[in-house]
N, C-alpha and C. Protein backbone atom coordinates (compact mmCIF):
# COMPACT_ATOMS: atom_id res chain seq x y z
N MET A 1 -2.96 2.07 18.56
CA MET A 1 -1.90 1.73 17.60
C MET A 1 -2.52 1.29 16.28
N ALA A 2 -1.84 1.61 15.18
CA ALA A 2 -2.36 1.35 13.85
C ALA A 2 -2.60 -0.13 13.59
N PHE A 3 -1.68 -1.00 14.04
CA PHE A 3 -1.85 -2.42 13.79
C PHE A 3 -3.18 -2.91 14.35
N GLU A 4 -3.49 -2.52 15.58
CA GLU A 4 -4.75 -2.96 16.20
C GLU A 4 -5.96 -2.48 15.41
N LYS A 5 -5.91 -1.26 14.89
CA LYS A 5 -7.02 -0.74 14.08
C LYS A 5 -7.19 -1.54 12.80
N VAL A 6 -6.08 -1.87 12.17
CA VAL A 6 -6.13 -2.67 10.93
C VAL A 6 -6.66 -4.06 11.25
N LYS A 7 -6.14 -4.68 12.30
CA LYS A 7 -6.59 -6.02 12.69
C LYS A 7 -8.09 -6.01 12.99
N GLU A 8 -8.55 -5.01 13.72
CA GLU A 8 -9.98 -4.90 14.04
C GLU A 8 -10.81 -4.74 12.77
N TYR A 9 -10.34 -3.92 11.83
CA TYR A 9 -11.03 -3.73 10.56
C TYR A 9 -11.20 -5.06 9.84
N PHE A 10 -10.14 -5.87 9.81
CA PHE A 10 -10.21 -7.17 9.13
C PHE A 10 -11.04 -8.18 9.93
N GLU A 11 -11.01 -8.10 11.24
CA GLU A 11 -11.86 -8.98 12.07
C GLU A 11 -13.33 -8.70 11.76
N ILE A 12 -13.70 -7.43 11.68
CA ILE A 12 -15.09 -7.05 11.37
C ILE A 12 -15.51 -7.58 10.01
N LYS A 13 -14.57 -7.60 9.06
CA LYS A 13 -14.86 -8.09 7.71
C LYS A 13 -14.81 -9.62 7.63
N GLY A 14 -14.48 -10.29 8.75
CA GLY A 14 -14.39 -11.74 8.76
C GLY A 14 -13.10 -12.27 8.17
N LEU A 15 -12.08 -11.42 8.07
CA LEU A 15 -10.82 -11.80 7.45
C LEU A 15 -9.63 -11.59 8.38
N GLY A 16 -9.86 -11.63 9.65
CA GLY A 16 -8.81 -11.39 10.63
C GLY A 16 -7.63 -12.31 10.50
N GLU A 17 -7.86 -13.54 10.03
CA GLU A 17 -6.77 -14.50 9.89
C GLU A 17 -5.80 -14.12 8.77
N ARG A 18 -6.18 -13.18 7.92
CA ARG A 18 -5.31 -12.73 6.83
C ARG A 18 -4.20 -11.80 7.32
N VAL A 19 -4.38 -11.22 8.50
CA VAL A 19 -3.40 -10.30 9.05
C VAL A 19 -2.38 -11.12 9.84
N THR A 20 -1.13 -11.05 9.42
CA THR A 20 -0.06 -11.83 10.04
C THR A 20 0.95 -10.91 10.70
N GLU A 21 1.27 -11.23 11.95
CA GLU A 21 2.34 -10.52 12.65
C GLU A 21 3.57 -11.41 12.59
N TRP A 22 4.71 -10.81 12.26
CA TRP A 22 5.97 -11.53 12.13
C TRP A 22 6.90 -11.11 13.25
N GLU A 23 7.83 -11.97 13.59
CA GLU A 23 8.87 -11.59 14.56
C GLU A 23 9.87 -10.64 13.91
N GLU A 24 10.10 -10.84 12.61
CA GLU A 24 11.04 -10.01 11.88
C GLU A 24 10.37 -8.71 11.43
N THR A 25 11.20 -7.69 11.21
CA THR A 25 10.73 -6.42 10.69
C THR A 25 10.69 -6.47 9.18
N ALA A 26 9.60 -5.97 8.61
CA ALA A 26 9.44 -5.95 7.15
C ALA A 26 9.15 -4.52 6.70
N ALA A 27 10.09 -3.63 6.92
CA ALA A 27 9.89 -2.21 6.61
C ALA A 27 10.13 -1.87 5.15
N THR A 28 10.73 -2.80 4.38
CA THR A 28 10.95 -2.56 2.96
C THR A 28 10.30 -3.67 2.15
N VAL A 29 10.13 -3.41 0.87
CA VAL A 29 9.56 -4.41 -0.03
C VAL A 29 10.41 -5.68 0.00
N GLU A 30 11.71 -5.53 -0.07
CA GLU A 30 12.60 -6.69 -0.11
C GLU A 30 12.52 -7.51 1.18
N GLN A 31 12.49 -6.82 2.32
CA GLN A 31 12.39 -7.52 3.61
C GLN A 31 11.06 -8.26 3.71
N ALA A 32 9.98 -7.62 3.31
CA ALA A 32 8.67 -8.27 3.37
C ALA A 32 8.62 -9.49 2.47
N ALA A 33 9.14 -9.37 1.25
CA ALA A 33 9.14 -10.50 0.31
C ALA A 33 9.94 -11.67 0.86
N GLU A 34 11.07 -11.38 1.48
CA GLU A 34 11.90 -12.44 2.04
C GLU A 34 11.18 -13.15 3.19
N ILE A 35 10.55 -12.39 4.06
CA ILE A 35 9.85 -12.97 5.20
C ILE A 35 8.66 -13.81 4.74
N ILE A 36 7.91 -13.29 3.79
CA ILE A 36 6.71 -13.98 3.30
C ILE A 36 7.06 -15.16 2.41
N GLY A 37 8.15 -15.01 1.65
CA GLY A 37 8.54 -16.05 0.70
C GLY A 37 7.91 -15.84 -0.66
N CYS A 38 7.85 -14.59 -1.11
CA CYS A 38 7.29 -14.27 -2.42
C CYS A 38 8.25 -13.35 -3.17
N GLU A 39 7.94 -13.09 -4.42
CA GLU A 39 8.72 -12.16 -5.21
C GLU A 39 8.40 -10.73 -4.74
N PRO A 40 9.38 -9.82 -4.76
CA PRO A 40 9.12 -8.44 -4.36
C PRO A 40 7.97 -7.79 -5.12
N ALA A 41 7.78 -8.15 -6.37
CA ALA A 41 6.70 -7.56 -7.16
C ALA A 41 5.33 -7.81 -6.53
N HIS A 42 5.17 -8.92 -5.79
CA HIS A 42 3.90 -9.27 -5.17
C HIS A 42 3.61 -8.51 -3.89
N ILE A 43 4.55 -7.68 -3.46
CA ILE A 43 4.30 -6.82 -2.30
C ILE A 43 3.56 -5.59 -2.81
N ALA A 44 2.38 -5.34 -2.28
CA ALA A 44 1.60 -4.16 -2.66
C ALA A 44 2.03 -3.02 -1.73
N LYS A 45 3.03 -2.27 -2.21
CA LYS A 45 3.57 -1.19 -1.38
C LYS A 45 2.63 0.01 -1.42
N THR A 46 2.52 0.69 -0.31
CA THR A 46 1.65 1.85 -0.20
C THR A 46 2.51 3.08 0.02
N MET A 47 2.44 4.00 -0.93
CA MET A 47 3.24 5.22 -0.88
C MET A 47 2.33 6.40 -0.57
N ALA A 48 2.83 7.31 0.28
CA ALA A 48 2.03 8.45 0.75
C ALA A 48 2.53 9.75 0.12
N PHE A 49 1.59 10.50 -0.46
CA PHE A 49 1.88 11.76 -1.14
C PHE A 49 0.93 12.84 -0.66
N LEU A 50 1.28 14.08 -0.99
CA LEU A 50 0.38 15.21 -0.76
C LEU A 50 -0.08 15.73 -2.12
N VAL A 51 -1.39 15.87 -2.28
CA VAL A 51 -1.98 16.48 -3.47
C VAL A 51 -2.86 17.61 -2.97
N ASN A 52 -2.55 18.82 -3.39
CA ASN A 52 -3.27 20.00 -2.89
C ASN A 52 -3.31 20.01 -1.37
N ASN A 53 -2.17 19.67 -0.76
CA ASN A 53 -2.00 19.65 0.70
C ASN A 53 -2.86 18.61 1.42
N GLU A 54 -3.41 17.66 0.69
CA GLU A 54 -4.19 16.57 1.28
C GLU A 54 -3.45 15.25 1.05
N PRO A 55 -3.45 14.36 2.05
CA PRO A 55 -2.74 13.09 1.89
C PRO A 55 -3.48 12.12 0.97
N ILE A 56 -2.71 11.47 0.11
CA ILE A 56 -3.23 10.39 -0.72
C ILE A 56 -2.29 9.20 -0.58
N LEU A 57 -2.82 8.02 -0.81
CA LEU A 57 -2.03 6.80 -0.84
C LEU A 57 -2.14 6.19 -2.21
N ILE A 58 -1.01 5.75 -2.73
CA ILE A 58 -0.99 5.00 -3.98
C ILE A 58 -0.44 3.63 -3.66
N VAL A 59 -1.23 2.60 -3.93
CA VAL A 59 -0.81 1.22 -3.69
C VAL A 59 -0.36 0.67 -5.04
N ALA A 60 0.88 0.19 -5.09
CA ALA A 60 1.46 -0.28 -6.35
C ALA A 60 2.26 -1.55 -6.11
N ALA A 61 2.55 -2.25 -7.19
CA ALA A 61 3.37 -3.46 -7.09
C ALA A 61 4.77 -3.10 -6.61
N GLY A 62 5.39 -4.04 -5.90
CA GLY A 62 6.67 -3.81 -5.29
C GLY A 62 7.83 -3.59 -6.23
N ASP A 63 7.66 -3.89 -7.51
CA ASP A 63 8.75 -3.70 -8.47
C ASP A 63 8.62 -2.40 -9.26
N THR A 64 7.81 -1.47 -8.77
CA THR A 64 7.57 -0.23 -9.49
C THR A 64 8.23 0.97 -8.82
N LYS A 65 8.27 2.05 -9.59
CA LYS A 65 8.66 3.36 -9.09
C LYS A 65 7.66 4.36 -9.66
N ILE A 66 7.48 5.46 -8.98
CA ILE A 66 6.59 6.49 -9.49
C ILE A 66 7.19 7.08 -10.77
N ASP A 67 6.37 7.22 -11.78
CA ASP A 67 6.75 7.89 -13.03
C ASP A 67 6.26 9.33 -12.89
N ASN A 68 7.18 10.26 -12.75
CA ASN A 68 6.80 11.65 -12.48
C ASN A 68 5.91 12.26 -13.55
N GLY A 69 6.14 11.92 -14.80
CA GLY A 69 5.30 12.43 -15.88
C GLY A 69 3.87 11.92 -15.79
N LYS A 70 3.71 10.62 -15.59
CA LYS A 70 2.38 10.03 -15.44
C LYS A 70 1.67 10.58 -14.20
N TYR A 71 2.42 10.72 -13.12
CA TYR A 71 1.86 11.24 -11.87
C TYR A 71 1.31 12.66 -12.10
N LYS A 72 2.11 13.50 -12.75
CA LYS A 72 1.68 14.89 -12.99
C LYS A 72 0.45 14.93 -13.88
N LEU A 73 0.39 14.07 -14.89
CA LEU A 73 -0.80 14.01 -15.75
C LEU A 73 -2.04 13.60 -14.95
N GLN A 74 -1.87 12.65 -14.03
CA GLN A 74 -2.99 12.15 -13.23
C GLN A 74 -3.46 13.16 -12.19
N PHE A 75 -2.52 13.76 -11.47
CA PHE A 75 -2.87 14.59 -10.32
C PHE A 75 -2.65 16.09 -10.52
N GLY A 76 -2.12 16.49 -11.69
CA GLY A 76 -1.98 17.90 -11.99
C GLY A 76 -0.87 18.61 -11.24
N GLN A 77 0.02 17.86 -10.64
CA GLN A 77 1.16 18.47 -9.95
C GLN A 77 2.27 17.44 -9.80
N LYS A 78 3.44 17.95 -9.45
CA LYS A 78 4.61 17.11 -9.22
C LYS A 78 4.37 16.20 -8.01
N ALA A 79 4.93 15.01 -8.05
CA ALA A 79 4.81 14.07 -6.92
C ALA A 79 5.58 14.61 -5.71
N VAL A 80 4.88 14.77 -4.59
CA VAL A 80 5.49 15.21 -3.34
C VAL A 80 5.17 14.17 -2.28
N MET A 81 6.18 13.37 -1.93
CA MET A 81 5.96 12.35 -0.90
C MET A 81 5.83 13.01 0.47
N ILE A 82 5.03 12.41 1.31
CA ILE A 82 4.92 12.87 2.69
C ILE A 82 6.19 12.45 3.41
N SER A 83 6.79 13.37 4.14
CA SER A 83 8.04 13.05 4.84
C SER A 83 7.79 12.00 5.91
N ALA A 84 8.83 11.22 6.19
CA ALA A 84 8.71 10.12 7.14
C ALA A 84 8.19 10.57 8.50
N HIS A 85 8.60 11.74 8.94
CA HIS A 85 8.15 12.19 10.27
C HIS A 85 6.71 12.70 10.28
N GLN A 86 6.08 12.85 9.11
CA GLN A 86 4.68 13.29 9.04
C GLN A 86 3.71 12.18 8.67
N VAL A 87 4.22 11.04 8.23
CA VAL A 87 3.36 9.97 7.72
C VAL A 87 2.35 9.52 8.77
N GLU A 88 2.80 9.21 9.97
CA GLU A 88 1.88 8.70 10.98
C GLU A 88 0.81 9.74 11.32
N GLU A 89 1.21 11.00 11.45
CA GLU A 89 0.27 12.06 11.77
C GLU A 89 -0.79 12.25 10.69
N LEU A 90 -0.38 12.24 9.42
CA LEU A 90 -1.31 12.51 8.32
C LEU A 90 -2.09 11.29 7.85
N VAL A 91 -1.46 10.11 7.91
CA VAL A 91 -2.07 8.90 7.36
C VAL A 91 -2.62 7.99 8.46
N GLY A 92 -1.89 7.89 9.58
CA GLY A 92 -2.33 7.03 10.67
C GLY A 92 -1.50 5.78 10.84
N HIS A 93 -0.49 5.59 10.00
CA HIS A 93 0.40 4.43 10.09
C HIS A 93 1.85 4.90 10.09
N VAL A 94 2.71 4.10 10.70
CA VAL A 94 4.15 4.43 10.73
C VAL A 94 4.79 4.07 9.39
N PRO A 95 5.89 4.77 9.02
CA PRO A 95 6.60 4.39 7.81
C PRO A 95 7.01 2.92 7.88
N GLY A 96 6.82 2.22 6.78
CA GLY A 96 7.10 0.79 6.74
C GLY A 96 5.89 -0.06 7.07
N GLY A 97 4.88 0.55 7.67
CA GLY A 97 3.65 -0.15 8.00
C GLY A 97 2.43 0.44 7.31
N VAL A 98 2.66 1.40 6.41
CA VAL A 98 1.56 2.09 5.75
C VAL A 98 0.80 1.12 4.85
N CYS A 99 -0.51 1.11 5.01
CA CYS A 99 -1.40 0.30 4.19
C CYS A 99 -2.66 1.11 3.93
N PRO A 100 -3.50 0.69 3.00
CA PRO A 100 -4.69 1.47 2.67
C PRO A 100 -5.91 1.18 3.55
N PHE A 101 -5.70 0.58 4.70
CA PHE A 101 -6.80 0.20 5.58
C PHE A 101 -6.71 0.96 6.90
N ALA A 102 -7.87 1.32 7.46
CA ALA A 102 -7.93 2.00 8.75
C ALA A 102 -7.05 3.25 8.77
N VAL A 103 -7.16 4.04 7.71
CA VAL A 103 -6.39 5.28 7.62
C VAL A 103 -7.23 6.45 8.15
N ARG A 104 -6.59 7.58 8.33
CA ARG A 104 -7.29 8.78 8.80
C ARG A 104 -8.36 9.19 7.79
N GLU A 105 -9.32 9.96 8.26
CA GLU A 105 -10.53 10.27 7.50
C GLU A 105 -10.29 10.91 6.13
N ARG A 106 -9.41 11.87 6.01
CA ARG A 106 -9.27 12.61 4.76
C ARG A 106 -8.23 12.01 3.81
N VAL A 107 -7.85 10.79 4.00
CA VAL A 107 -6.85 10.14 3.15
C VAL A 107 -7.54 9.44 1.99
N SER A 108 -7.16 9.81 0.78
CA SER A 108 -7.70 9.18 -0.43
C SER A 108 -6.77 8.06 -0.87
N VAL A 109 -7.35 6.97 -1.35
CA VAL A 109 -6.58 5.80 -1.78
C VAL A 109 -6.77 5.59 -3.28
N TYR A 110 -5.66 5.28 -3.95
CA TYR A 110 -5.67 4.92 -5.37
C TYR A 110 -4.88 3.63 -5.52
N LEU A 111 -5.29 2.79 -6.47
CA LEU A 111 -4.58 1.56 -6.79
C LEU A 111 -3.94 1.71 -8.15
N ASP A 112 -2.66 1.34 -8.26
CA ASP A 112 -1.97 1.43 -9.53
C ASP A 112 -2.20 0.17 -10.35
N VAL A 113 -2.33 0.34 -11.66
CA VAL A 113 -2.61 -0.79 -12.56
C VAL A 113 -1.52 -1.86 -12.53
N SER A 114 -0.35 -1.54 -12.02
CA SER A 114 0.72 -2.54 -11.93
C SER A 114 0.32 -3.75 -11.09
N LEU A 115 -0.67 -3.58 -10.22
CA LEU A 115 -1.15 -4.68 -9.37
C LEU A 115 -2.03 -5.67 -10.12
N LYS A 116 -2.64 -5.24 -11.21
CA LYS A 116 -3.63 -6.07 -11.90
C LYS A 116 -3.06 -7.34 -12.53
N ARG A 117 -1.75 -7.45 -12.64
CA ARG A 117 -1.16 -8.65 -13.26
C ARG A 117 -1.05 -9.81 -12.28
N PHE A 118 -1.39 -9.59 -11.00
CA PHE A 118 -1.26 -10.62 -9.99
C PHE A 118 -2.61 -11.08 -9.47
N ASP A 119 -2.68 -12.34 -9.04
CA ASP A 119 -3.87 -12.84 -8.37
C ASP A 119 -3.82 -12.47 -6.89
N ILE A 120 -2.65 -12.66 -6.27
CA ILE A 120 -2.47 -12.45 -4.83
C ILE A 120 -1.36 -11.43 -4.61
N VAL A 121 -1.60 -10.52 -3.65
CA VAL A 121 -0.59 -9.56 -3.24
C VAL A 121 -0.56 -9.52 -1.71
N HIS A 122 0.48 -8.88 -1.19
CA HIS A 122 0.66 -8.76 0.26
C HIS A 122 0.88 -7.29 0.60
N THR A 123 0.06 -6.73 1.47
CA THR A 123 0.24 -5.35 1.91
C THR A 123 0.83 -5.35 3.31
N ALA A 124 1.27 -4.17 3.74
CA ALA A 124 1.63 -4.01 5.15
C ALA A 124 0.33 -4.07 5.95
N GLY A 125 0.47 -4.20 7.26
CA GLY A 125 -0.70 -4.32 8.11
C GLY A 125 -0.78 -3.27 9.22
N GLY A 126 -0.17 -2.11 8.99
CA GLY A 126 -0.23 -1.05 9.98
C GLY A 126 0.98 -0.97 10.89
N SER A 127 1.89 -1.94 10.76
CA SER A 127 3.14 -1.93 11.54
C SER A 127 4.25 -2.49 10.66
N VAL A 128 5.49 -2.33 11.10
CA VAL A 128 6.62 -2.81 10.30
C VAL A 128 6.83 -4.31 10.39
N ASN A 129 6.02 -5.00 11.18
CA ASN A 129 6.16 -6.45 11.28
C ASN A 129 4.82 -7.16 11.05
N SER A 130 3.98 -6.57 10.18
CA SER A 130 2.71 -7.22 9.86
C SER A 130 2.43 -7.12 8.37
N THR A 131 1.76 -8.15 7.85
CA THR A 131 1.38 -8.17 6.44
C THR A 131 -0.03 -8.74 6.32
N ILE A 132 -0.63 -8.50 5.16
CA ILE A 132 -1.98 -9.00 4.87
C ILE A 132 -1.97 -9.60 3.47
N LYS A 133 -2.42 -10.84 3.35
CA LYS A 133 -2.49 -11.54 2.07
C LYS A 133 -3.89 -11.37 1.49
N LEU A 134 -3.97 -10.82 0.27
CA LEU A 134 -5.26 -10.54 -0.36
C LEU A 134 -5.22 -10.82 -1.86
N SER A 135 -6.38 -11.16 -2.40
CA SER A 135 -6.50 -11.16 -3.85
C SER A 135 -6.63 -9.69 -4.27
N VAL A 136 -6.35 -9.40 -5.52
CA VAL A 136 -6.46 -8.02 -5.99
C VAL A 136 -7.91 -7.53 -5.89
N PRO A 137 -8.93 -8.33 -6.23
CA PRO A 137 -10.30 -7.87 -6.02
C PRO A 137 -10.61 -7.59 -4.53
N GLU A 138 -10.05 -8.39 -3.62
CA GLU A 138 -10.25 -8.12 -2.20
C GLU A 138 -9.57 -6.81 -1.80
N LEU A 139 -8.36 -6.59 -2.30
CA LEU A 139 -7.66 -5.34 -2.03
C LEU A 139 -8.50 -4.15 -2.49
N GLU A 140 -9.06 -4.27 -3.67
CA GLU A 140 -9.90 -3.18 -4.20
C GLU A 140 -11.13 -2.97 -3.33
N ALA A 141 -11.80 -4.03 -2.97
CA ALA A 141 -13.03 -3.91 -2.17
C ALA A 141 -12.75 -3.37 -0.77
N LEU A 142 -11.68 -3.82 -0.16
CA LEU A 142 -11.41 -3.48 1.24
C LEU A 142 -10.71 -2.13 1.43
N SER A 143 -10.04 -1.63 0.39
CA SER A 143 -9.33 -0.36 0.52
C SER A 143 -10.18 0.83 0.10
N ASN A 144 -11.34 0.58 -0.49
CA ASN A 144 -12.24 1.65 -0.92
C ASN A 144 -11.52 2.74 -1.71
N PRO A 145 -10.85 2.37 -2.79
CA PRO A 145 -10.08 3.38 -3.54
C PRO A 145 -10.99 4.32 -4.33
N LEU A 146 -10.44 5.49 -4.64
CA LEU A 146 -11.15 6.41 -5.52
C LEU A 146 -11.06 5.92 -6.96
N GLY A 147 -10.13 5.00 -7.22
CA GLY A 147 -10.02 4.44 -8.55
C GLY A 147 -8.66 3.86 -8.83
N TRP A 148 -8.54 3.34 -10.05
CA TRP A 148 -7.29 2.79 -10.54
C TRP A 148 -6.56 3.89 -11.30
N VAL A 149 -5.24 3.96 -11.11
CA VAL A 149 -4.41 4.94 -11.80
C VAL A 149 -3.24 4.21 -12.46
N ASP A 150 -2.59 4.90 -13.39
CA ASP A 150 -1.40 4.37 -14.06
C ASP A 150 -0.30 5.41 -13.86
N VAL A 151 0.40 5.34 -12.73
CA VAL A 151 1.40 6.35 -12.38
C VAL A 151 2.78 5.76 -12.08
N CYS A 152 2.98 4.50 -12.41
CA CYS A 152 4.25 3.85 -12.09
C CYS A 152 4.99 3.39 -13.32
N LYS A 153 6.28 3.14 -13.15
CA LYS A 153 7.14 2.63 -14.22
C LYS A 153 8.02 1.54 -13.64
N GLY A 154 8.71 0.84 -14.54
CA GLY A 154 9.70 -0.14 -14.11
C GLY A 154 9.18 -1.54 -13.96
N TRP A 155 7.92 -1.77 -14.20
CA TRP A 155 7.37 -3.11 -14.05
C TRP A 155 7.12 -3.73 -15.42
N ILE A 156 7.11 -5.05 -15.41
CA ILE A 156 6.85 -5.78 -16.64
C ILE A 156 5.40 -6.25 -16.65
N THR A 157 4.85 -6.41 -17.83
CA THR A 157 3.42 -6.72 -17.94
C THR A 157 3.08 -8.18 -17.68
N HIS A 158 4.05 -9.06 -17.67
CA HIS A 158 3.74 -10.46 -17.35
C HIS A 158 4.32 -10.79 -15.97
N GLU A 159 3.68 -11.73 -15.30
CA GLU A 159 4.13 -12.11 -13.96
C GLU A 159 5.46 -12.83 -14.02
N ALA A 160 6.37 -12.41 -13.17
CA ALA A 160 7.72 -13.02 -13.14
C ALA A 160 7.71 -14.33 -12.39
């Protein structure tokens, strides 16, 4: 199961206590924020797309949406989300639990600049009832991204 792989990954890194399992389901940004007790913007949501038929993950602040124009400039094609029934097969996590850790081998990770305005963010932990609290530098170090991108809209530049 994906949660166990994520938990093991964080245990190996000495950060196992950062992975929290909740009794409640946190399959959406709003649900996760309510359970954790933070603003939705502080949820680092992970969205799954296909680029040249290969899965990629974009981790962005919870108050953002993909900007199709910026996405096309960055990746050279229209944004195509991976369908819910293919996410687990292609990425390794169930919808609502997708995170940039312990993913399948050919999955590329990118971090959106919308996250840089925060000190602390919360990602999913491989299941719909788990989260991980990280600083943005920790998120960058632990997710091994190919880089930072600017592909989102709808967020404000100062912390709410």
